[in-house]
Amino acid sequence: MNRAAAARAAGGRTAPTRHAALGLLAAALLAGCGTGTPGAAPEAPATPAPPATAPSGGTAAPDPSRSPAGRTPEGTLLVADFGADTVTFVDPGPDGSGRGGAPIASVKVGTAPYGLVVGEDGRAWVATAEGVAVVDTRQRTRLALIPYARESGPVTTGEYRGGGMGIAMAPDGEHVYVGVNVPGGDGAVEVIDTATREVTGTARVGMRPFDVDVSPDGREVYATDHDSFDVTAVDADTLATRRMEVAPYGTEGGLGSWLKPHYAVVRPSDGALLLPFEGERLAVLDPRTGRVTVERMTANTHQHGAALAPDGTLLVVGTGPIGPDDEDPSLTVRAPDGTERIVPLDGPHEDVAVSKDGRTAYVTGGFTRDGHWNGNTVVDLDDEKSEPVRLPAGNRPLGISVLRSGAARSSPEAGGSTAGEPDTP
């Protein structure tokens, strides 16, 4: 009996008992963390390295010769190295195909970086266990590390570490919103003023804010609260909050349940949040009413990262089985009309980004649990017959972004052009 059948038999509520021990271990880890104040770190330049090599089982070394000093080409990938204290810039190869690609450089940002977001000015904001790092993507240097206002325990690594997780930027670029995990309790969304680089407000949200998104008009911020089975909407002006349960399988099992929300995307056409569950159900949340409708999905695998292509195609990462009837890792390519194509992946993956033209998906191989690999998988979204390409780069990469033309412009501190000036070729 698969998860959907079990849920129907139990009136829509189920918790796979064979994973209860893992869930209890997770709860113990959450409860066992203490408290403390994260510290700041000095600015860090790009890590110098020899030309790229990819030893068996190792991490490909950055090759600075692929990108002239002071210039990061549009289409470069930026990944958060959860297994290191860095972000890595990755050349995705000719036409972004992954073939012949390699890492360019790595920059120290802070302990166990998770999510990242890049603004139109080319600055990247990276959620680490210590604080939010600000990186100039043109000069490939760290400009600042902004400590969290909320205490989140000692600075550690691993799946249940405290500190920043999901992160997003307001449409006008004036604020960044980061979800802060507080082990054993409710998390927070912290508001950072991008001009002053200071935390200007904090809102209490649910447990383990895996993902953070912003409404198309910028009026609301949404934290996907993994361990409390809900999404918290935060008013961007007042920081008032309201929680909306999103639990298409029910909440039975609590911390021991695998059937919890992970990542979401906001549909531009109506502002609805799309949250995939287990390759079986797509929860569509109307944030105005809190109402959830469920649409069928077909991958039948545990799902994490999600992204939207420019044409509205939904991309969802399947991390692999959690039960005996589950399918292997995959990338779901779901058209706006609901039809799906399932692309098999080699091993667990975590998150996904899409190229500017919507023709290529980049899936990180990091994974929050064991089984990760140090690289990214490149999927051609146009050619259904093409095989995914494995691109070694990064160290347990989780968050990912494709640098747009703005990334070729430096921030004012680096003496480059600003967002209002012409793009650098």
Protein backbone atom coordinates (compact mmCIF):
# COMPACT_ATOMS: atom_id res chain seq x y z
CA MET A 1 0.00 0.00 0.00
CA ASN A 2 1.52 3.38 -0.98
CA ARG A 3 1.28 6.60 1.03
CA ALA A 4 -1.84 7.83 -0.75
CA ALA A 5 -3.72 4.58 -0.15
CA ALA A 6 -2.64 4.49 3.48
CA ALA A 7 -3.78 8.06 3.94
CA ARG A 8 -7.19 7.28 2.47
CA ALA A 9 -7.55 4.24 4.71
CA ALA A 10 -6.70 6.35 7.76
CA GLY A 11 -9.02 9.19 6.83
CA GLY A 12 -6.24 11.30 5.30
CA ARG A 13 -3.74 10.89 8.17
CA THR A 14 -0.71 8.63 8.12
CA ALA A 15 2.82 8.40 9.48
CA PRO A 16 5.16 5.68 8.17
CA THR A 17 6.03 3.70 11.30
CA ARG A 18 9.22 2.19 9.88
CA HIS A 19 10.74 5.68 9.95
CA ALA A 20 9.60 6.52 13.48
CA ALA A 21 13.04 5.81 14.92
CA LEU A 22 14.64 8.31 12.54
CA GLY A 23 11.99 10.84 13.44
CA LEU A 24 12.63 10.36 17.17
CA LEU A 25 16.33 10.80 16.56
CA ALA A 26 15.58 14.06 14.76
CA ALA A 27 13.48 15.23 17.68
CA ALA A 28 16.26 14.34 20.10
CA LEU A 29 18.77 16.30 18.08
CA LEU A 30 16.45 19.29 17.97
CA ALA A 31 15.82 19.15 21.71
CA GLY A 32 19.49 18.64 22.57
CA CYS A 33 20.86 21.90 21.16
CA GLY A 34 21.73 24.68 23.60
CA THR A 35 21.71 28.42 23.19
CA GLY A 36 24.33 30.95 22.22
CA THR A 37 25.04 34.01 20.11
CA PRO A 38 26.54 33.54 16.63
CA GLY A 39 29.62 35.63 15.98
CA ALA A 40 30.81 37.60 12.98
CA ALA A 41 33.76 36.76 10.73
CA PRO A 42 36.14 38.90 8.71
CA GLU A 43 35.67 39.51 5.02
CA ALA A 44 36.90 36.64 2.90
CA PRO A 45 38.25 36.67 -0.67
CA ALA A 46 37.85 33.96 -3.24
CA THR A 47 39.81 30.84 -2.38
CA PRO A 48 42.83 30.48 -4.70
CA ALA A 49 43.08 27.05 -6.26
CA PRO A 50 44.85 25.12 -9.04
CA PRO A 51 43.10 24.15 -12.27
CA ALA A 52 40.04 21.95 -11.83
CA THR A 53 40.41 18.28 -11.16
CA ALA A 54 37.82 15.78 -9.99
CA PRO A 55 39.43 12.96 -8.04
CA SER A 56 37.28 9.92 -7.41
CA GLY A 57 34.90 10.66 -4.54
CA GLY A 58 36.37 14.12 -4.03
CA THR A 59 35.47 17.69 -4.82
CA ALA A 60 36.50 19.31 -8.10
CA ALA A 61 38.96 22.14 -7.43
CA PRO A 62 38.07 25.62 -8.79
CA ASP A 63 39.73 26.75 -12.01
CA PRO A 64 40.13 30.58 -11.88
CA SER A 65 41.37 30.65 -15.50
CA ARG A 66 37.80 30.02 -16.68
CA SER A 67 36.73 33.54 -15.69
CA PRO A 68 38.94 36.65 -15.93
CA ALA A 69 39.55 38.42 -12.65
CA GLY A 70 36.79 40.91 -11.86
CA ARG A 71 34.23 39.40 -14.21
CA THR A 72 31.67 36.68 -13.55
CA PRO A 73 29.76 35.80 -16.74
CA GLU A 74 25.98 35.72 -16.90
CA GLY A 75 24.70 32.16 -16.54
CA THR A 76 27.34 31.21 -13.98
CA LEU A 77 25.92 29.00 -11.22
CA LEU A 78 26.34 29.94 -7.57
CA VAL A 79 25.91 27.12 -5.06
CA ALA A 80 25.89 27.10 -1.25
CA ASP A 81 28.36 24.51 0.02
CA PHE A 82 26.60 23.04 3.05
CA GLY A 83 29.55 20.69 3.52
CA ALA A 84 32.02 23.58 3.70
CA ASP A 85 32.01 27.24 4.73
CA THR A 86 31.89 28.49 1.15
CA VAL A 87 29.87 29.30 -1.91
CA THR A 88 31.20 28.08 -5.23
CA PHE A 89 30.94 29.77 -8.64
CA VAL A 90 30.44 27.19 -11.37
CA ASP A 91 30.92 27.47 -15.14
CA PRO A 92 28.02 25.38 -16.52
CA GLY A 93 29.83 24.74 -19.81
CA PRO A 94 28.95 25.77 -23.39
CA ASP A 95 25.31 26.88 -23.67
CA GLY A 96 24.86 25.95 -20.02
CA SER A 97 24.76 22.27 -20.95
CA GLY A 98 26.96 21.05 -18.10
CA ARG A 99 29.33 19.38 -20.57
CA GLY A 100 32.84 20.66 -20.03
CA GLY A 101 31.77 22.78 -17.07
CA ALA A 102 33.77 23.17 -13.88
CA PRO A 103 34.00 25.28 -10.72
CA ILE A 104 35.58 28.72 -11.10
CA ALA A 105 36.21 29.87 -7.53
CA SER A 106 35.00 29.45 -3.95
CA VAL A 107 34.42 32.19 -1.38
CA LYS A 108 34.36 31.77 2.40
CA VAL A 109 30.98 32.87 3.75
CA GLY A 110 30.30 31.20 7.12
CA THR A 111 29.48 27.85 8.68
CA ALA A 112 27.20 25.44 6.80
CA PRO A 113 25.58 27.76 4.21
CA TYR A 114 22.08 26.68 3.23
CA GLY A 115 19.96 28.96 1.03
CA LEU A 116 20.98 31.95 -1.07
CA VAL A 117 19.40 34.70 -3.15
CA VAL A 118 20.98 37.13 -5.62
CA GLY A 119 19.79 40.70 -6.20
CA GLU A 120 19.76 42.75 -9.38
CA ASP A 121 22.91 44.55 -8.19
CA GLY A 122 24.85 41.29 -8.24
CA ARG A 123 25.09 40.88 -4.49
CA ALA A 124 24.33 37.42 -3.12
CA TRP A 125 22.81 36.94 0.33
CA VAL A 126 23.70 33.58 1.86
CA ALA A 127 22.04 32.04 4.94
CA THR A 128 24.70 30.38 7.11
CA ALA A 129 24.70 29.02 10.66
CA GLU A 130 26.47 32.21 11.83
CA GLY A 131 24.57 34.91 9.98
CA VAL A 132 23.75 36.16 6.49
CA ALA A 133 26.82 36.62 4.32
CA VAL A 134 26.85 39.29 1.61
CA VAL A 135 28.91 38.36 -1.45
CA ASP A 136 29.89 40.53 -4.41
CA THR A 137 29.44 38.06 -7.25
CA ARG A 138 31.55 40.06 -9.69
CA GLN A 139 34.62 40.46 -7.50
CA ARG A 140 33.91 37.12 -5.83
CA THR A 141 34.51 38.44 -2.32
CA ARG A 142 32.51 38.50 0.89
CA LEU A 143 31.48 42.02 1.84
CA ALA A 144 29.87 41.36 5.23
CA LEU A 145 28.44 38.81 7.65
CA ILE A 146 25.26 39.96 9.39
CA PRO A 147 24.60 38.19 12.73
CA TYR A 148 21.07 37.03 13.51
CA ALA A 149 19.02 38.91 16.08
CA ARG A 150 17.41 35.70 17.32
CA GLU A 151 19.58 33.32 19.32
CA SER A 152 19.65 29.96 17.56
CA GLY A 153 22.11 27.97 19.65
CA PRO A 154 25.78 27.20 19.10
CA VAL A 155 27.21 27.40 15.60
CA THR A 156 27.19 23.82 14.34
CA THR A 157 26.82 21.84 11.12
CA GLY A 158 24.47 19.07 10.05
CA GLU A 159 20.83 18.73 9.09
CA TYR A 160 19.40 20.09 12.33
CA ARG A 161 21.81 22.97 12.93
CA GLY A 162 20.47 26.31 14.05
CA GLY A 163 20.70 29.46 11.97
CA GLY A 164 19.58 30.51 8.52
CA MET A 165 17.74 28.22 6.14
CA GLY A 166 15.36 29.64 3.53
CA ILE A 167 16.04 33.15 2.21
CA ALA A 168 14.29 35.49 -0.23
CA MET A 169 14.41 39.08 -1.45
CA ALA A 170 11.66 41.68 -1.77
CA PRO A 171 10.71 42.53 -5.38
CA ASP A 172 12.18 46.03 -4.97
CA GLY A 173 15.45 44.65 -3.60
CA GLU A 174 15.28 46.77 -0.45
CA HIS A 175 14.90 43.91 2.02
CA VAL A 176 16.05 40.33 2.43
CA TYR A 177 14.04 37.87 4.51
CA VAL A 178 15.78 34.90 6.13
CA GLY A 179 14.22 31.97 7.98
CA VAL A 180 16.14 31.19 11.17
CA ASN A 181 15.92 27.71 12.67
CA VAL A 182 15.87 27.66 16.48
CA PRO A 183 16.42 23.99 17.43
CA GLY A 184 13.65 22.70 19.66
CA GLY A 185 11.31 25.66 19.18
CA ASP A 186 9.63 28.07 16.82
CA GLY A 187 11.82 29.77 14.25
CA ALA A 188 11.91 33.35 13.03
CA VAL A 189 11.89 35.38 9.86
CA GLU A 190 14.40 38.19 10.15
CA VAL A 191 14.24 41.29 7.96
CA ILE A 192 17.50 42.74 6.65
CA ASP A 193 17.76 46.20 5.14
CA THR A 194 19.93 45.68 2.07
CA ALA A 195 21.26 49.26 2.16
CA THR A 196 22.39 49.30 5.81
CA ARG A 197 22.94 45.54 6.13
CA GLU A 198 21.20 45.50 9.48
CA VAL A 199 18.42 43.34 10.90
CA THR A 200 15.45 45.70 11.22
CA GLY A 201 12.73 43.33 12.41
CA THR A 202 11.93 39.78 13.52
CA ALA A 203 8.72 37.77 13.22
CA ARG A 204 8.04 34.49 14.98
CA VAL A 205 7.19 31.61 12.62
CA GLY A 206 6.91 27.82 12.81
CA MET A 207 9.56 25.17 13.33
CA ARG A 208 12.48 24.81 10.90
CA PRO A 209 11.67 27.36 8.16
CA PHE A 210 13.05 25.34 5.26
CA ASP A 211 12.00 27.87 2.65
CA VAL A 212 11.08 31.56 2.46
CA ASP A 213 9.15 33.20 -0.40
CA VAL A 214 7.66 36.62 -1.08
CA SER A 215 4.32 37.52 -2.67
CA PRO A 216 4.49 39.08 -6.15
CA ASP A 217 3.48 42.49 -4.74
CA GLY A 218 5.98 42.26 -1.89
CA ARG A 219 3.34 42.71 0.81
CA GLU A 220 3.70 39.30 2.41
CA VAL A 221 6.54 36.93 3.23
CA TYR A 222 5.91 33.18 3.51
CA ALA A 223 7.92 30.80 5.69
CA THR A 224 7.47 27.11 4.94
CA ASP A 225 7.66 25.62 8.43
CA HIS A 226 8.80 22.03 7.98
CA ASP A 227 8.38 20.63 11.48
CA SER A 228 5.08 22.35 12.33
CA PHE A 229 3.23 21.37 9.12
CA ASP A 230 2.37 24.94 8.19
CA VAL A 231 3.17 28.10 6.29
CA THR A 232 3.48 31.37 8.20
CA ALA A 233 2.45 34.52 6.36
CA VAL A 234 4.29 37.63 7.59
CA ASP A 235 3.02 41.12 6.81
CA ALA A 236 6.05 42.88 5.32
CA ASP A 237 5.08 46.24 6.90
CA THR A 238 3.79 45.31 10.36
CA LEU A 239 5.42 41.86 10.77
CA ALA A 240 2.05 40.53 11.97
CA THR A 241 1.80 36.78 11.37
CA ARG A 242 -0.79 34.13 10.68
CA ARG A 243 -0.20 30.41 10.33
CA MET A 244 -1.88 28.20 7.76
CA GLU A 245 -1.72 24.42 8.13
CA VAL A 246 -0.52 22.59 5.01
CA ALA A 247 -0.73 18.87 5.74
CA PRO A 248 -2.37 16.86 2.95
CA TYR A 249 -1.43 13.64 4.80
CA GLY A 250 -2.38 14.99 8.23
CA THR A 251 -0.03 15.78 11.09
CA GLU A 252 0.11 12.39 12.80
CA GLY A 253 3.65 11.46 13.77
CA GLY A 254 4.80 15.00 14.51
CA LEU A 255 8.57 15.29 14.29
CA GLY A 256 8.72 11.62 13.32
CA SER A 257 6.65 12.13 10.19
CA TRP A 258 8.24 12.36 6.76
CA LEU A 259 5.09 13.84 5.24
CA LYS A 260 5.81 17.49 5.95
CA PRO A 261 6.18 20.60 3.76
CA HIS A 262 9.69 21.39 2.53
CA TYR A 263 9.90 23.98 -0.25
CA ALA A 264 7.33 26.17 -1.99
CA VAL A 265 7.06 28.43 -5.01
CA VAL A 266 4.69 31.36 -5.49
CA ARG A 267 2.65 31.28 -8.69
CA PRO A 268 2.83 34.79 -10.19
CA SER A 269 -0.57 34.62 -11.86
CA ASP A 270 -2.59 34.40 -8.63
CA GLY A 271 -0.11 34.45 -5.73
CA ALA A 272 -0.90 30.85 -4.73
CA LEU A 273 1.81 28.81 -3.05
CA LEU A 274 2.63 25.45 -4.63
CA LEU A 275 3.99 22.84 -2.20
CA PRO A 276 4.83 19.35 -3.53
CA PHE A 277 4.45 16.28 -1.30
CA GLU A 278 5.93 12.84 -1.95
CA GLY A 279 5.51 12.90 -5.73
CA GLU A 280 1.82 12.23 -5.13
CA ARG A 281 0.17 15.48 -4.08
CA LEU A 282 0.64 19.13 -4.94
CA ALA A 283 -0.82 21.31 -2.20
CA VAL A 284 -2.05 24.62 -3.63
CA LEU A 285 -2.39 27.17 -0.83
CA ASP A 286 -4.41 30.35 -1.27
CA PRO A 287 -2.69 32.67 1.23
CA ARG A 288 -5.67 35.05 1.30
CA THR A 289 -8.02 32.41 2.72
CA GLY A 290 -5.68 29.70 4.01
CA ARG A 291 -7.57 27.19 1.89
CA VAL A 292 -5.59 24.25 0.49
CA THR A 293 -6.58 22.28 -2.58
CA VAL A 294 -4.71 19.16 -3.68
CA GLU A 295 -3.72 18.15 -7.20
CA ARG A 296 -2.33 14.78 -8.24
CA MET A 297 1.39 14.26 -8.91
CA THR A 298 3.01 11.16 -10.41
CA ALA A 299 6.67 10.76 -9.32
CA ASN A 300 5.90 8.82 -6.11
CA THR A 301 9.12 9.83 -4.35
CA HIS A 302 10.07 12.02 -1.37
CA GLN A 303 10.30 15.60 -2.66
CA HIS A 304 12.27 18.67 -1.62
CA GLY A 305 13.35 21.65 -3.79
CA ALA A 306 11.07 23.42 -6.25
CA ALA A 307 11.34 26.20 -8.84
CA LEU A 308 9.24 27.80 -11.57
CA ALA A 309 10.44 28.23 -15.15
CA PRO A 310 9.51 31.46 -16.98
CA ASP A 311 6.64 29.71 -18.81
CA GLY A 312 5.11 28.47 -15.54
CA THR A 313 6.57 24.97 -15.66
CA LEU A 314 7.05 23.63 -12.13
CA LEU A 315 10.28 21.78 -11.37
CA VAL A 316 10.39 19.55 -8.28
CA VAL A 317 13.31 17.53 -6.92
CA GLY A 318 12.61 13.95 -5.85
CA THR A 319 15.19 12.87 -3.28
CA GLY A 320 14.41 9.16 -3.37
CA PRO A 321 12.38 6.56 -1.49
CA ILE A 322 11.25 6.65 2.13
CA GLY A 323 9.13 3.50 1.81
CA PRO A 324 9.31 0.17 -0.02
CA ASP A 325 6.87 1.24 -2.75
CA ASP A 326 8.57 4.56 -3.51
CA GLU A 327 10.41 5.38 -6.71
CA ASP A 328 14.02 6.54 -7.03
CA PRO A 329 15.33 10.16 -7.19
CA SER A 330 13.97 12.24 -10.03
CA LEU A 331 13.15 15.68 -11.34
CA THR A 332 9.46 16.30 -12.01
CA VAL A 333 8.82 18.66 -14.94
CA ARG A 334 5.19 19.71 -14.54
CA ALA A 335 3.58 21.83 -17.27
CA PRO A 336 1.04 24.52 -16.34
CA ASP A 337 -1.76 22.19 -17.50
CA GLY A 338 -0.69 19.57 -14.94
CA THR A 339 0.93 17.06 -17.29
CA GLU A 340 4.21 15.71 -15.96
CA ARG A 341 7.49 14.31 -17.25
CA ILE A 342 9.67 12.45 -14.75
CA VAL A 343 13.44 12.65 -15.32
CA PRO A 344 15.44 10.01 -13.37
CA LEU A 345 18.38 11.31 -11.33
CA ASP A 346 21.44 9.41 -10.15
CA GLY A 347 21.29 9.59 -6.34
CA PRO A 348 19.62 12.03 -3.92
CA HIS A 349 19.47 15.74 -4.75
CA GLU A 350 18.13 18.78 -2.87
CA ASP A 351 17.26 21.98 -4.75
CA VAL A 352 16.82 23.25 -8.29
CA ALA A 353 17.23 26.45 -10.32
CA VAL A 354 16.37 27.17 -13.94
CA SER A 355 18.23 29.07 -16.66
CA LYS A 356 17.03 32.50 -17.78
CA ASP A 357 15.61 31.07 -21.03
CA GLY A 358 13.84 28.26 -19.19
CA ARG A 359 15.54 25.55 -21.23
CA THR A 360 17.85 24.06 -18.57
CA ALA A 361 17.44 22.95 -14.97
CA TYR A 362 20.30 22.73 -12.48
CA VAL A 363 19.76 20.34 -9.55
CA THR A 364 22.08 20.36 -6.53
CA GLY A 365 23.44 17.04 -5.30
CA GLY A 366 23.99 18.13 -1.71
CA PHE A 367 20.87 16.79 0.06
CA THR A 368 20.18 17.63 3.72
CA ARG A 369 20.56 13.98 4.77
CA ASP A 370 23.19 11.33 4.02
CA GLY A 371 23.72 10.19 0.46
CA HIS A 372 24.75 13.51 -1.09
CA TRP A 373 27.40 14.01 -3.75
CA ASN A 374 29.60 17.00 -4.55
CA GLY A 375 28.05 18.24 -7.74
CA ASN A 376 25.03 19.32 -9.72
CA THR A 377 22.93 17.58 -12.34
CA VAL A 378 22.07 19.47 -15.52
CA VAL A 379 18.76 18.60 -17.21
CA ASP A 380 17.82 19.72 -20.73
CA LEU A 381 14.14 20.69 -20.43
CA ASP A 382 13.61 20.90 -24.20
CA ASP A 383 15.09 17.59 -25.30
CA GLU A 384 13.24 14.74 -23.58
CA LYS A 385 15.65 12.18 -25.04
CA SER A 386 18.80 13.76 -23.64
CA GLU A 387 20.49 12.23 -20.60
CA PRO A 388 21.12 14.40 -17.52
CA VAL A 389 24.73 15.59 -17.20
CA ARG A 390 26.58 15.34 -13.89
CA LEU A 391 28.73 18.39 -13.19
CA PRO A 392 31.16 17.97 -10.26
CA ALA A 393 31.38 21.23 -8.29
CA GLY A 394 30.92 22.42 -4.73
CA ASN A 395 30.91 20.62 -1.43
CA ARG A 396 27.49 19.16 -0.57
CA PRO A 397 25.75 21.98 -2.50
CA LEU A 398 22.21 22.85 -1.34
CA GLY A 399 21.00 26.30 -2.40
CA ILE A 400 21.60 27.37 -6.00
CA SER A 401 21.11 30.43 -8.18
CA VAL A 402 21.81 31.18 -11.85
CA LEU A 403 23.54 34.56 -12.07
CA ARG A 404 21.75 36.98 -14.39
CA SER A 405 23.15 40.05 -16.12
CA GLY A 406 23.07 41.94 -12.80
CA ALA A 407 25.70 39.59 -11.43
CA ALA A 408 28.15 41.00 -13.97
CA ARG A 409 27.86 44.36 -12.20
CA SER A 410 29.73 44.86 -8.98
CA SER A 411 28.32 46.43 -5.86
CA PRO A 412 29.14 50.11 -5.15
CA GLU A 413 31.80 49.05 -2.62
CA ALA A 414 33.79 47.40 -5.40
CA GLY A 415 33.73 50.55 -7.52
CA GLY A 416 31.58 49.06 -10.26
CA SER A 417 28.32 50.14 -11.87
CA THR A 418 25.02 50.17 -10.00
CA ALA A 419 21.70 48.53 -10.79
CA GLY A 420 20.55 51.53 -12.78
CA GLU A 421 23.47 51.48 -15.20
CA PRO A 422 23.92 49.37 -18.34
CA ASP A 423 24.78 45.69 -18.01
CA THR A 424 28.39 44.62 -18.32
CA PRO A 425 28.77 42.20 -21.23
